[in-house]
Amino acid sequence: MTWSEMRPLLETATQETLYMVGVATLITVLIGLPIGLLLVLTDRGGPLSFAPANKLLGLVVNVGRSIPFLILLVALIPFTRWVTGTTIGTDAAIVPLTVGAIPFFARLVETAVREVDRGLIEAAQSMGAGTFTVVRKVLVREAVPSIISAITVTVVAIVGYSAMAGVVGGGGLGDLAIRYGYQRFETNLMLVTIAVLVVLVQLVQFLGDLLSRRLAHR
């Protein structure tokens, strides 16, 4: 396959991958961030300390993280069909990508928030700050650089998940590599697809590290 034949395929697949990763990341952050915060707030000594809720939430997160993504991808097929009306294509792939990434990101957020100095939390509470104020002005604000790093790691993981989604027709670069590189023995296209994925991950990591460093020194 010549470059002129590969280029339109690569452009379409790259756009599909960026779309899947972008939407899945947005939903993951919107859901995973509150879950990560709740894991800290409901833990022993936290502002909303409540052991049963903390253990239940922790169990759900651990179960989610225990399932290999390829198995989760297949197990969620009925749910994916219920949500999107189909099990193939980029819209369908976003469902398992999001479900797989949320518990992973929630644990990273929990770790990031736990690094915040407890003295700051106690100082805010001593001045009459409520739980919501502590979360917004202390926990999230102080943990922003670490949360940005957590988002970066999660995006890289979702890029890898999106490539695996290609096995079941999820679209994107993984789907292109499977259909052309593996099934049609187009080795050149397979190598170029791998190179695009490597560049994409490096770019995400570079931008994430840059933003995290700048916010850490603000």
N, C-alpha and C. Protein backbone atom coordinates (compact mmCIF):
# COMPACT_ATOMS: atom_id res chain seq x y z
N MET A 1 0.85 -1.20 0.00
CA MET A 1 0.00 0.00 0.00
C MET A 1 0.89 1.25 0.00
N THR A 2 0.60 2.17 -0.91
CA THR A 2 1.41 3.39 -1.01
C THR A 2 0.96 4.43 0.04
N TRP A 3 1.80 5.45 0.20
CA TRP A 3 1.50 6.49 1.17
C TRP A 3 0.20 7.23 0.81
N SER A 4 0.00 7.48 -0.50
CA SER A 4 -1.22 8.17 -0.93
C SER A 4 -2.47 7.36 -0.62
N GLU A 5 -2.33 6.04 -0.57
CA GLU A 5 -3.47 5.18 -0.20
C GLU A 5 -3.65 5.13 1.32
N MET A 6 -2.51 5.17 2.02
CA MET A 6 -2.58 5.08 3.49
C MET A 6 -3.07 6.38 4.13
N ARG A 7 -2.68 7.52 3.56
CA ARG A 7 -2.94 8.81 4.22
C ARG A 7 -4.40 9.05 4.56
N PRO A 8 -5.35 8.90 3.61
CA PRO A 8 -6.76 9.14 4.00
C PRO A 8 -7.25 8.18 5.08
N LEU A 9 -6.77 6.94 5.03
CA LEU A 9 -7.17 5.98 6.07
C LEU A 9 -6.64 6.40 7.43
N LEU A 10 -5.37 6.85 7.45
CA LEU A 10 -4.77 7.29 8.71
C LEU A 10 -5.44 8.54 9.24
N GLU A 11 -5.77 9.47 8.36
CA GLU A 11 -6.42 10.71 8.80
C GLU A 11 -7.78 10.42 9.44
N THR A 12 -8.55 9.57 8.77
CA THR A 12 -9.87 9.22 9.32
C THR A 12 -9.74 8.48 10.65
N ALA A 13 -8.83 7.51 10.70
CA ALA A 13 -8.66 6.72 11.93
C ALA A 13 -8.14 7.59 13.08
N THR A 14 -7.23 8.52 12.77
CA THR A 14 -6.71 9.41 13.82
C THR A 14 -7.82 10.32 14.35
N GLN A 15 -8.64 10.84 13.46
CA GLN A 15 -9.76 11.68 13.91
C GLN A 15 -10.72 10.88 14.79
N GLU A 16 -10.97 9.64 14.40
CA GLU A 16 -11.86 8.79 15.21
C GLU A 16 -11.26 8.52 16.59
N THR A 17 -9.96 8.26 16.63
CA THR A 17 -9.30 8.02 17.92
C THR A 17 -9.35 9.26 18.80
N LEU A 18 -9.07 10.42 18.22
CA LEU A 18 -9.12 11.66 18.99
C LEU A 18 -10.53 11.92 19.51
N TYR A 19 -11.52 11.63 18.70
CA TYR A 19 -12.92 11.81 19.13
C TYR A 19 -13.26 10.88 20.30
N MET A 20 -12.93 9.61 20.14
CA MET A 20 -13.23 8.64 21.21
C MET A 20 -12.51 9.00 22.50
N VAL A 21 -11.22 9.30 22.39
CA VAL A 21 -10.43 9.60 23.58
C VAL A 21 -10.90 10.90 24.23
N GLY A 22 -11.22 11.90 23.41
CA GLY A 22 -11.66 13.19 23.95
C GLY A 22 -12.97 13.08 24.72
N VAL A 23 -13.97 12.44 24.11
CA VAL A 23 -15.28 12.32 24.77
C VAL A 23 -15.18 11.42 26.01
N ALA A 24 -14.46 10.30 25.87
CA ALA A 24 -14.32 9.38 27.01
C ALA A 24 -13.58 10.06 28.17
N THR A 25 -12.56 10.85 27.86
CA THR A 25 -11.82 11.55 28.91
C THR A 25 -12.70 12.56 29.62
N LEU A 26 -13.49 13.32 28.85
CA LEU A 26 -14.37 14.33 29.45
C LEU A 26 -15.36 13.68 30.42
N ILE A 27 -16.01 12.61 29.98
CA ILE A 27 -16.99 11.93 30.85
C ILE A 27 -16.29 11.31 32.05
N THR A 28 -15.12 10.74 31.82
CA THR A 28 -14.36 10.12 32.91
C THR A 28 -14.01 11.13 34.00
N VAL A 29 -13.58 12.31 33.59
CA VAL A 29 -13.22 13.35 34.57
C VAL A 29 -14.46 13.82 35.33
N LEU A 30 -15.57 14.01 34.61
CA LEU A 30 -16.80 14.50 35.24
C LEU A 30 -17.34 13.53 36.29
N ILE A 31 -17.16 12.23 36.04
CA ILE A 31 -17.67 11.23 36.99
C ILE A 31 -16.58 10.77 37.96
N GLY A 32 -15.38 10.58 37.46
CA GLY A 32 -14.30 10.03 38.29
C GLY A 32 -13.78 11.00 39.33
N LEU A 33 -13.79 12.30 39.03
CA LEU A 33 -13.30 13.29 40.00
C LEU A 33 -14.14 13.31 41.28
N PRO A 34 -15.48 13.39 41.18
CA PRO A 34 -16.28 13.33 42.42
C PRO A 34 -16.11 12.02 43.18
N ILE A 35 -15.97 10.91 42.44
CA ILE A 35 -15.79 9.63 43.12
C ILE A 35 -14.47 9.62 43.89
N GLY A 36 -13.41 10.12 43.27
CA GLY A 36 -12.11 10.19 43.95
C GLY A 36 -12.17 11.07 45.18
N LEU A 37 -12.87 12.19 45.07
CA LEU A 37 -13.01 13.09 46.22
C LEU A 37 -13.81 12.42 47.34
N LEU A 38 -14.88 11.70 46.96
CA LEU A 38 -15.70 11.02 47.97
C LEU A 38 -14.91 9.94 48.70
N LEU A 39 -13.99 9.29 47.99
CA LEU A 39 -13.15 8.28 48.64
C LEU A 39 -12.32 8.89 49.77
N VAL A 40 -11.91 10.13 49.59
CA VAL A 40 -11.12 10.83 50.62
C VAL A 40 -12.04 11.40 51.70
N LEU A 41 -13.13 12.03 51.27
CA LEU A 41 -14.01 12.71 52.23
C LEU A 41 -14.68 11.74 53.19
N THR A 42 -15.04 10.54 52.70
CA THR A 42 -15.76 9.57 53.54
C THR A 42 -14.82 8.66 54.32
N ASP A 43 -13.53 8.77 54.07
CA ASP A 43 -12.57 7.92 54.78
C ASP A 43 -12.44 8.37 56.23
N ARG A 44 -11.85 7.52 57.06
CA ARG A 44 -11.68 7.83 58.48
C ARG A 44 -10.94 9.16 58.66
N GLY A 45 -11.50 10.06 59.43
CA GLY A 45 -10.88 11.36 59.66
C GLY A 45 -11.23 12.40 58.63
N GLY A 46 -11.96 12.00 57.58
CA GLY A 46 -12.35 12.94 56.54
C GLY A 46 -13.54 13.79 56.97
N PRO A 47 -13.79 14.89 56.27
CA PRO A 47 -14.91 15.77 56.63
C PRO A 47 -16.26 15.07 56.61
N LEU A 48 -16.43 14.04 55.80
CA LEU A 48 -17.70 13.29 55.72
C LEU A 48 -17.49 11.84 56.13
N SER A 49 -16.64 11.62 57.09
CA SER A 49 -16.26 10.26 57.50
C SER A 49 -17.47 9.35 57.69
N PHE A 50 -17.53 8.29 56.89
CA PHE A 50 -18.63 7.33 56.95
C PHE A 50 -18.11 6.01 56.37
N ALA A 51 -17.64 5.15 57.27
CA ALA A 51 -16.94 3.93 56.86
C ALA A 51 -17.72 3.04 55.90
N PRO A 52 -19.03 2.75 56.17
CA PRO A 52 -19.76 1.86 55.25
C PRO A 52 -19.77 2.38 53.80
N ALA A 53 -20.03 3.68 53.64
CA ALA A 53 -20.07 4.25 52.29
C ALA A 53 -18.68 4.21 51.66
N ASN A 54 -17.65 4.48 52.46
CA ASN A 54 -16.29 4.47 51.93
C ASN A 54 -15.89 3.08 51.47
N LYS A 55 -16.23 2.07 52.28
CA LYS A 55 -15.87 0.70 51.91
C LYS A 55 -16.63 0.23 50.67
N LEU A 56 -17.92 0.60 50.59
CA LEU A 56 -18.72 0.21 49.43
C LEU A 56 -18.18 0.88 48.16
N LEU A 57 -17.89 2.17 48.26
CA LEU A 57 -17.35 2.89 47.10
C LEU A 57 -15.99 2.33 46.69
N GLY A 58 -15.15 2.05 47.70
CA GLY A 58 -13.85 1.47 47.41
C GLY A 58 -13.95 0.11 46.75
N LEU A 59 -14.96 -0.68 47.21
CA LEU A 59 -15.16 -2.01 46.61
C LEU A 59 -15.57 -1.89 45.14
N VAL A 60 -16.50 -0.98 44.86
CA VAL A 60 -16.95 -0.78 43.48
C VAL A 60 -15.77 -0.37 42.58
N VAL A 61 -14.96 0.56 43.08
CA VAL A 61 -13.81 1.03 42.31
C VAL A 61 -12.81 -0.11 42.09
N ASN A 62 -12.57 -0.89 43.12
CA ASN A 62 -11.61 -2.00 42.99
C ASN A 62 -12.10 -3.06 42.01
N VAL A 63 -13.41 -3.35 42.06
CA VAL A 63 -13.96 -4.32 41.11
C VAL A 63 -13.81 -3.80 39.68
N GLY A 64 -14.10 -2.52 39.49
CA GLY A 64 -13.95 -1.93 38.16
C GLY A 64 -12.53 -2.01 37.65
N ARG A 65 -11.57 -1.81 38.55
CA ARG A 65 -10.16 -1.84 38.14
C ARG A 65 -9.64 -3.25 37.94
N SER A 66 -10.35 -4.24 38.50
CA SER A 66 -9.87 -5.62 38.44
C SER A 66 -10.16 -6.29 37.10
N ILE A 67 -11.11 -5.76 36.36
CA ILE A 67 -11.53 -6.43 35.12
C ILE A 67 -10.65 -5.98 33.96
N PRO A 68 -9.96 -6.89 33.30
CA PRO A 68 -9.15 -6.52 32.12
C PRO A 68 -10.04 -5.85 31.07
N PHE A 69 -9.51 -4.83 30.40
CA PHE A 69 -10.35 -4.03 29.51
C PHE A 69 -10.96 -4.85 28.38
N LEU A 70 -10.21 -5.79 27.84
CA LEU A 70 -10.73 -6.57 26.71
C LEU A 70 -11.96 -7.38 27.14
N ILE A 71 -11.92 -7.93 28.37
CA ILE A 71 -13.07 -8.67 28.89
C ILE A 71 -14.22 -7.71 29.18
N LEU A 72 -13.91 -6.56 29.76
CA LEU A 72 -14.93 -5.55 30.04
C LEU A 72 -15.62 -5.12 28.74
N LEU A 73 -14.82 -4.97 27.69
CA LEU A 73 -15.33 -4.57 26.38
C LEU A 73 -16.41 -5.52 25.88
N VAL A 74 -16.16 -6.80 26.05
CA VAL A 74 -17.11 -7.81 25.59
C VAL A 74 -18.30 -7.90 26.55
N ALA A 75 -18.01 -7.86 27.86
CA ALA A 75 -19.08 -7.98 28.86
C ALA A 75 -20.08 -6.84 28.77
N LEU A 76 -19.63 -5.68 28.33
CA LEU A 76 -20.51 -4.51 28.28
C LEU A 76 -21.29 -4.39 26.98
N ILE A 77 -21.17 -5.37 26.10
CA ILE A 77 -21.84 -5.27 24.80
C ILE A 77 -23.36 -5.02 24.94
N PRO A 78 -24.08 -5.76 25.81
CA PRO A 78 -25.52 -5.46 25.95
C PRO A 78 -25.78 -4.04 26.45
N PHE A 79 -24.98 -3.59 27.42
CA PHE A 79 -25.14 -2.23 27.94
C PHE A 79 -24.81 -1.19 26.86
N THR A 80 -23.75 -1.46 26.10
CA THR A 80 -23.37 -0.54 25.03
C THR A 80 -24.48 -0.43 23.99
N ARG A 81 -25.09 -1.56 23.64
CA ARG A 81 -26.19 -1.55 22.67
C ARG A 81 -27.39 -0.78 23.23
N TRP A 82 -27.63 -0.92 24.55
CA TRP A 82 -28.75 -0.22 25.17
C TRP A 82 -28.53 1.30 25.16
N VAL A 83 -27.27 1.70 25.36
CA VAL A 83 -26.96 3.14 25.43
C VAL A 83 -26.90 3.78 24.05
N THR A 84 -26.23 3.13 23.11
CA THR A 84 -25.97 3.76 21.81
C THR A 84 -26.78 3.16 20.66
N GLY A 85 -27.42 2.02 20.89
CA GLY A 85 -28.18 1.37 19.82
C GLY A 85 -27.33 0.53 18.90
N THR A 86 -26.03 0.46 19.14
CA THR A 86 -25.14 -0.34 18.32
C THR A 86 -23.95 -0.80 19.17
N THR A 87 -23.19 -1.75 18.64
CA THR A 87 -22.01 -2.23 19.38
C THR A 87 -20.73 -1.99 18.59
N ILE A 88 -20.83 -1.39 17.43
CA ILE A 88 -19.63 -1.10 16.63
C ILE A 88 -19.57 0.39 16.32
N GLY A 89 -18.36 0.85 16.03
CA GLY A 89 -18.19 2.26 15.72
C GLY A 89 -17.67 3.05 16.90
N THR A 90 -17.33 4.29 16.65
CA THR A 90 -16.70 5.12 17.68
C THR A 90 -17.64 5.47 18.83
N ASP A 91 -18.91 5.75 18.52
CA ASP A 91 -19.85 6.09 19.61
C ASP A 91 -20.01 4.91 20.56
N ALA A 92 -20.11 3.71 20.00
CA ALA A 92 -20.24 2.51 20.84
C ALA A 92 -18.99 2.28 21.68
N ALA A 93 -17.83 2.56 21.10
CA ALA A 93 -16.57 2.32 21.83
C ALA A 93 -16.41 3.24 23.03
N ILE A 94 -17.03 4.42 22.97
CA ILE A 94 -16.89 5.39 24.07
C ILE A 94 -17.44 4.82 25.38
N VAL A 95 -18.48 3.99 25.29
CA VAL A 95 -19.10 3.44 26.50
C VAL A 95 -18.11 2.58 27.31
N PRO A 96 -17.53 1.53 26.73
CA PRO A 96 -16.56 0.75 27.53
C PRO A 96 -15.30 1.53 27.87
N LEU A 97 -14.88 2.45 26.99
CA LEU A 97 -13.71 3.26 27.31
C LEU A 97 -13.95 4.06 28.59
N THR A 98 -15.14 4.63 28.69
CA THR A 98 -15.46 5.45 29.86
C THR A 98 -15.62 4.59 31.12
N VAL A 99 -16.36 3.48 30.98
CA VAL A 99 -16.57 2.60 32.14
C VAL A 99 -15.23 2.04 32.65
N GLY A 100 -14.34 1.73 31.73
CA GLY A 100 -13.04 1.19 32.13
C GLY A 100 -12.12 2.23 32.76
N ALA A 101 -12.26 3.49 32.33
CA ALA A 101 -11.34 4.53 32.79
C ALA A 101 -11.77 5.19 34.11
N ILE A 102 -13.08 5.22 34.39
CA ILE A 102 -13.56 5.93 35.58
C ILE A 102 -12.93 5.41 36.88
N PRO A 103 -12.97 4.10 37.18
CA PRO A 103 -12.35 3.65 38.45
C PRO A 103 -10.85 3.88 38.49
N PHE A 104 -10.20 3.75 37.35
CA PHE A 104 -8.75 4.02 37.27
C PHE A 104 -8.46 5.47 37.63
N PHE A 105 -9.23 6.39 37.04
CA PHE A 105 -9.01 7.82 37.30
C PHE A 105 -9.40 8.18 38.73
N ALA A 106 -10.47 7.58 39.24
CA ALA A 106 -10.92 7.88 40.60
C ALA A 106 -9.82 7.57 41.62
N ARG A 107 -9.14 6.44 41.46
CA ARG A 107 -8.04 6.10 42.38
C ARG A 107 -6.89 7.09 42.26
N LEU A 108 -6.60 7.53 41.04
CA LEU A 108 -5.53 8.52 40.87
C LEU A 108 -5.90 9.83 41.54
N VAL A 109 -7.17 10.24 41.43
CA VAL A 109 -7.62 11.46 42.09
C VAL A 109 -7.51 11.31 43.60
N GLU A 110 -7.92 10.14 44.11
CA GLU A 110 -7.83 9.90 45.55
C GLU A 110 -6.38 10.07 46.02
N THR A 111 -5.45 9.49 45.29
CA THR A 111 -4.03 9.61 45.66
C THR A 111 -3.57 11.06 45.62
N ALA A 112 -4.00 11.78 44.59
CA ALA A 112 -3.60 13.19 44.43
C ALA A 112 -4.13 14.03 45.59
N VAL A 113 -5.39 13.81 45.96
CA VAL A 113 -6.01 14.63 47.01
C VAL A 113 -5.42 14.31 48.38
N ARG A 114 -5.06 13.05 48.60
CA ARG A 114 -4.47 12.67 49.90
C ARG A 114 -3.13 13.36 50.14
N GLU A 115 -2.48 13.84 49.08
CA GLU A 115 -1.19 14.51 49.24
C GLU A 115 -1.34 15.93 49.77
N VAL A 116 -2.58 16.45 49.78
CA VAL A 116 -2.80 17.81 50.28
C VAL A 116 -2.54 17.84 51.79
N ASP A 117 -1.82 18.84 52.23
CA ASP A 117 -1.47 19.00 53.65
C ASP A 117 -2.74 19.09 54.51
N ARG A 118 -2.88 18.18 55.48
CA ARG A 118 -4.07 18.18 56.33
C ARG A 118 -4.17 19.44 57.17
N GLY A 119 -3.02 20.08 57.40
CA GLY A 119 -3.04 21.32 58.15
C GLY A 119 -3.86 22.40 57.45
N LEU A 120 -3.82 22.40 56.12
CA LEU A 120 -4.60 23.38 55.36
C LEU A 120 -6.09 23.12 55.54
N ILE A 121 -6.45 21.82 55.55
CA ILE A 121 -7.86 21.46 55.72
C ILE A 121 -8.34 21.88 57.11
N GLU A 122 -7.53 21.56 58.13
CA GLU A 122 -7.91 21.91 59.49
C GLU A 122 -7.98 23.42 59.68
N ALA A 123 -7.07 24.15 59.03
CA ALA A 123 -7.09 25.61 59.12
C ALA A 123 -8.37 26.18 58.51
N ALA A 124 -8.76 25.61 57.36
CA ALA A 124 -9.97 26.08 56.70
C ALA A 124 -11.20 25.77 57.56
N GLN A 125 -11.23 24.58 58.15
CA GLN A 125 -12.37 24.20 59.00
C GLN A 125 -12.43 25.07 60.25
N SER A 126 -11.26 25.40 60.80
CA SER A 126 -11.23 26.24 62.00
C SER A 126 -11.77 27.64 61.72
N MET A 127 -11.71 28.05 60.45
CA MET A 127 -12.22 29.37 60.08
C MET A 127 -13.69 29.32 59.67
N GLY A 128 -14.30 28.13 59.86
CA GLY A 128 -15.72 27.99 59.59
C GLY A 128 -16.07 27.52 58.19
N ALA A 129 -15.09 27.09 57.43
CA ALA A 129 -15.37 26.63 56.07
C ALA A 129 -16.15 25.32 56.10
N GLY A 130 -17.20 25.23 55.29
CA GLY A 130 -17.98 24.01 55.18
C GLY A 130 -17.27 23.00 54.28
N THR A 131 -17.88 21.81 54.18
CA THR A 131 -17.26 20.74 53.38
C THR A 131 -17.08 21.16 51.92
N PHE A 132 -18.11 21.78 51.36
CA PHE A 132 -18.02 22.17 49.94
C PHE A 132 -16.90 23.18 49.73
N THR A 133 -16.76 24.12 50.68
CA THR A 133 -15.70 25.13 50.57
C THR A 133 -14.32 24.48 50.70
N VAL A 134 -14.21 23.53 51.64
CA VAL A 134 -12.93 22.82 51.81
C VAL A 134 -12.56 22.08 50.53
N VAL A 135 -13.56 21.43 49.91
CA VAL A 135 -13.29 20.69 48.68
C VAL A 135 -12.84 21.63 47.57
N ARG A 136 -13.60 22.70 47.40
CA ARG A 136 -13.36 23.61 46.27
C ARG A 136 -12.11 24.47 46.45
N LYS A 137 -11.92 25.02 47.65
CA LYS A 137 -10.84 25.99 47.83
C LYS A 137 -9.56 25.41 48.42
N VAL A 138 -9.64 24.20 48.93
CA VAL A 138 -8.44 23.60 49.52
C VAL A 138 -8.03 22.33 48.77
N LEU A 139 -8.90 21.31 48.81
CA LEU A 139 -8.52 20.02 48.25
C LEU A 139 -8.25 20.10 46.75
N VAL A 140 -9.25 20.55 45.99
CA VAL A 140 -9.09 20.59 44.53
C VAL A 140 -8.03 21.60 44.12
N ARG A 141 -8.07 22.76 44.74
CA ARG A 141 -7.11 23.82 44.36
C ARG A 141 -5.67 23.39 44.59
N GLU A 142 -5.39 22.79 45.75
CA GLU A 142 -4.02 22.38 46.07
C GLU A 142 -3.58 21.16 45.26
N ALA A 143 -4.55 20.36 44.87
CA ALA A 143 -4.20 19.11 44.16
C ALA A 143 -4.25 19.25 42.64
N VAL A 144 -4.52 20.45 42.14
CA VAL A 144 -4.68 20.62 40.69
C VAL A 144 -3.50 20.07 39.88
N PRO A 145 -2.23 20.39 40.23
CA PRO A 145 -1.12 19.83 39.42
C PRO A 145 -1.12 18.30 39.39
N SER A 146 -1.39 17.69 40.55
CA SER A 146 -1.43 16.22 40.60
C SER A 146 -2.64 15.67 39.84
N ILE A 147 -3.75 16.40 39.89
CA ILE A 147 -4.94 15.95 39.15
C ILE A 147 -4.68 16.05 37.64
N ILE A 148 -3.96 17.10 37.22
CA ILE A 148 -3.60 17.21 35.80
C ILE A 148 -2.73 16.02 35.39
N SER A 149 -1.79 15.65 36.25
CA SER A 149 -0.95 14.48 35.96
C SER A 149 -1.81 13.21 35.89
N ALA A 150 -2.82 13.13 36.78
CA ALA A 150 -3.72 11.97 36.76
C ALA A 150 -4.52 11.93 35.47
N ILE A 151 -4.98 13.09 35.00
CA ILE A 151 -5.71 13.14 33.73
C ILE A 151 -4.80 12.71 32.58
N THR A 152 -3.54 13.15 32.63
CA THR A 152 -2.59 12.78 31.58
C THR A 152 -2.41 11.27 31.51
N VAL A 153 -2.19 10.66 32.68
CA VAL A 153 -2.02 9.20 32.73
C VAL A 153 -3.28 8.50 32.23
N THR A 154 -4.43 9.05 32.59
CA THR A 154 -5.70 8.44 32.18
C THR A 154 -5.90 8.55 30.66
N VAL A 155 -5.55 9.70 30.09
CA VAL A 155 -5.68 9.86 28.63
C VAL A 155 -4.79 8.84 27.91
N VAL A 156 -3.57 8.68 28.40
CA VAL A 156 -2.67 7.69 27.78
C VAL A 156 -3.27 6.29 27.87
N ALA A 157 -3.87 5.98 29.03
CA ALA A 157 -4.51 4.66 29.19
C ALA A 157 -5.69 4.51 28.23
N ILE A 158 -6.48 5.59 28.07
CA ILE A 158 -7.64 5.52 27.18
C ILE A 158 -7.19 5.35 25.72
N VAL A 159 -6.07 5.97 25.35
CA VAL A 159 -5.53 5.76 24.00
C VAL A 159 -5.24 4.28 23.79
N GLY A 160 -4.63 3.66 24.80
CA GLY A 160 -4.36 2.21 24.71
C GLY A 160 -5.65 1.41 24.65
N TYR A 161 -6.64 1.78 25.49
CA TYR A 161 -7.93 1.10 25.46
C TYR A 161 -8.58 1.23 24.09
N SER A 162 -8.49 2.43 23.50
CA SER A 162 -9.15 2.66 22.20
C SER A 162 -8.54 1.77 21.12
N ALA A 163 -7.23 1.51 21.23
CA ALA A 163 -6.60 0.60 20.26
C ALA A 163 -7.15 -0.81 20.43
N MET A 164 -7.38 -1.22 21.70
CA MET A 164 -7.96 -2.56 21.93
C MET A 164 -9.39 -2.64 21.44
N ALA A 165 -10.12 -1.52 21.50
CA ALA A 165 -11.50 -1.51 21.03
C ALA A 165 -11.58 -1.82 19.55
N GLY A 166 -10.48 -1.62 18.83
CA GLY A 166 -10.45 -1.94 17.41
C GLY A 166 -10.67 -3.42 17.14
N VAL A 167 -10.40 -4.26 18.13
CA VAL A 167 -10.58 -5.72 17.97
C VAL A 167 -12.05 -6.05 17.69
N VAL A 168 -12.97 -5.27 18.27
CA VAL A 168 -14.41 -5.53 18.08
C VAL A 168 -15.06 -4.44 17.23
N GLY A 169 -14.27 -3.84 16.33
CA GLY A 169 -14.83 -2.87 15.41
C GLY A 169 -15.12 -1.52 16.02
N GLY A 170 -14.29 -1.11 16.97
CA GLY A 170 -14.52 0.15 17.66
C GLY A 170 -14.11 1.38 16.87
N GLY A 171 -13.48 1.19 15.70
CA GLY A 171 -13.03 2.34 14.93
C GLY A 171 -11.70 2.87 15.44
N GLY A 172 -11.15 3.86 14.72
CA GLY A 172 -9.90 4.47 15.15
C GLY A 172 -8.67 3.71 14.67
N LEU A 173 -7.54 4.08 15.24
CA LEU A 173 -6.26 3.52 14.80
C LEU A 173 -6.14 2.03 15.11
N GLY A 174 -6.69 1.58 16.22
CA GLY A 174 -6.65 0.16 16.54
C GLY A 174 -7.41 -0.66 15.52
N ASP A 175 -8.58 -0.17 15.14
CA ASP A 175 -9.39 -0.86 14.14
C ASP A 175 -8.65 -0.91 12.80
N LEU A 176 -7.99 0.20 12.45
CA LEU A 176 -7.23 0.25 11.19
C LEU A 176 -6.09 -0.77 11.21
N ALA A 177 -5.38 -0.83 12.35
CA ALA A 177 -4.26 -1.76 12.46
C ALA A 177 -4.73 -3.21 12.35
N ILE A 178 -5.89 -3.52 12.96
CA ILE A 178 -6.39 -4.89 12.92
C ILE A 178 -6.87 -5.25 11.50
N ARG A 179 -7.68 -4.37 10.91
CA ARG A 179 -8.28 -4.71 9.61
C ARG A 179 -7.27 -4.74 8.47
N TYR A 180 -6.34 -3.79 8.47
CA TYR A 180 -5.38 -3.73 7.37
C TYR A 180 -4.04 -4.34 7.75
N GLY A 181 -3.52 -3.97 8.90
CA GLY A 181 -2.19 -4.46 9.27
C GLY A 181 -2.14 -5.93 9.57
N TYR A 182 -3.19 -6.43 10.31
CA TYR A 182 -3.19 -7.84 10.71
C TYR A 182 -3.92 -8.74 9.71
N GLN A 183 -5.17 -8.39 9.39
CA GLN A 183 -5.99 -9.27 8.54
C GLN A 183 -5.57 -9.22 7.07
N ARG A 184 -5.03 -8.08 6.59
CA ARG A 184 -4.64 -7.98 5.17
C ARG A 184 -3.12 -7.94 4.99
N PHE A 185 -2.40 -8.14 6.07
CA PHE A 185 -0.93 -8.22 6.02
C PHE A 185 -0.29 -6.95 5.43
N GLU A 186 -0.90 -5.81 5.70
CA GLU A 186 -0.31 -4.54 5.26
C GLU A 186 0.66 -4.06 6.33
N THR A 187 1.87 -4.62 6.29
CA THR A 187 2.85 -4.34 7.34
C THR A 187 3.21 -2.87 7.42
N ASN A 188 3.35 -2.23 6.27
CA ASN A 188 3.71 -0.81 6.26
C ASN A 188 2.67 0.02 7.01
N LEU A 189 1.40 -0.27 6.76
CA LEU A 189 0.34 0.48 7.42
C LEU A 189 0.34 0.21 8.92
N MET A 190 0.61 -1.04 9.30
CA MET A 190 0.70 -1.39 10.72
C MET A 190 1.79 -0.58 11.41
N LEU A 191 2.97 -0.49 10.77
CA LEU A 191 4.09 0.24 11.37
C LEU A 191 3.78 1.73 11.48
N VAL A 192 3.16 2.28 10.44
CA VAL A 192 2.81 3.71 10.47
C VAL A 192 1.77 3.97 11.56
N THR A 193 0.81 3.05 11.71
CA THR A 193 -0.21 3.20 12.74
C THR A 193 0.42 3.20 14.13
N ILE A 194 1.37 2.29 14.35
CA ILE A 194 2.07 2.25 15.64
C ILE A 194 2.81 3.57 15.88
N ALA A 195 3.45 4.08 14.81
CA ALA A 195 4.19 5.34 14.94
C ALA A 195 3.24 6.49 15.32
N VAL A 196 2.07 6.52 14.71
CA VAL A 196 1.10 7.57 15.02
C VAL A 196 0.66 7.48 16.48
N LEU A 197 0.42 6.26 16.96
CA LEU A 197 0.02 6.07 18.36
C LEU A 197 1.13 6.52 19.31
N VAL A 198 2.38 6.19 18.97
CA VAL A 198 3.50 6.59 19.81
C VAL A 198 3.60 8.12 19.87
N VAL A 199 3.48 8.76 18.71
CA VAL A 199 3.55 10.23 18.67
C VAL A 199 2.41 10.84 19.46
N LEU A 200 1.22 10.26 19.33
CA LEU A 200 0.04 10.77 20.03
C LEU A 200 0.24 10.70 21.55
N VAL A 201 0.73 9.57 22.03
CA VAL A 201 0.96 9.40 23.47
C VAL A 201 2.05 10.35 23.97
N GLN A 202 3.13 10.48 23.18
CA GLN A 202 4.21 11.40 23.58
C GLN A 202 3.71 12.83 23.66
N LEU A 203 2.86 13.22 22.72
CA LEU A 203 2.32 14.57 22.70
C LEU A 203 1.43 14.82 23.92
N VAL A 204 0.59 13.84 24.24
CA VAL A 204 -0.29 13.97 25.41
C VAL A 204 0.54 14.09 26.69
N GLN A 205 1.57 13.24 26.81
CA GLN A 205 2.42 13.26 28.01
C GLN A 205 3.16 14.59 28.13
N PHE A 206 3.68 15.09 27.00
CA PHE A 206 4.43 16.35 27.02
C PHE A 206 3.52 17.51 27.46
N LEU A 207 2.35 17.60 26.86
CA LEU A 207 1.43 18.69 27.19
C LEU A 207 0.96 18.58 28.64
N GLY A 208 0.68 17.36 29.10
CA GLY A 208 0.24 17.16 30.48
C GLY A 208 1.32 17.55 31.47
N ASP A 209 2.55 17.12 31.21
CA ASP A 209 3.67 17.47 32.11
C ASP A 209 3.90 18.97 32.13
N LEU A 210 3.81 19.59 30.96
CA LEU A 210 4.04 21.04 30.87
C LEU A 210 2.99 21.80 31.68
N LEU A 211 1.73 21.42 31.50
CA LEU A 211 0.65 22.11 32.22
C LEU A 211 0.75 21.88 33.73
N SER A 212 1.08 20.64 34.12
CA SER A 212 1.20 20.32 35.54
C SER A 212 2.32 21.12 36.19
N ARG A 213 3.47 21.24 35.51
CA ARG A 213 4.60 22.00 36.07
C ARG A 213 4.25 23.48 36.21
N ARG A 214 3.57 24.01 35.22
CA ARG A 214 3.23 25.44 35.28
C ARG A 214 2.23 25.73 36.40
N LEU A 215 1.28 24.84 36.58
CA LEU A 215 0.30 25.03 37.66
C LEU A 215 0.94 24.82 39.03
N ALA A 216 1.95 23.95 39.10
CA ALA A 216 2.63 23.70 40.38
C ALA A 216 3.45 24.90 40.82
N HIS A 217 3.87 25.73 39.88
CA HIS A 217 4.70 26.89 40.22
C HIS A 217 3.93 28.20 40.08
N ARG A 218 2.58 28.09 40.10
CA ARG A 218 1.80 29.32 39.92
C ARG A 218 1.87 30.20 41.16
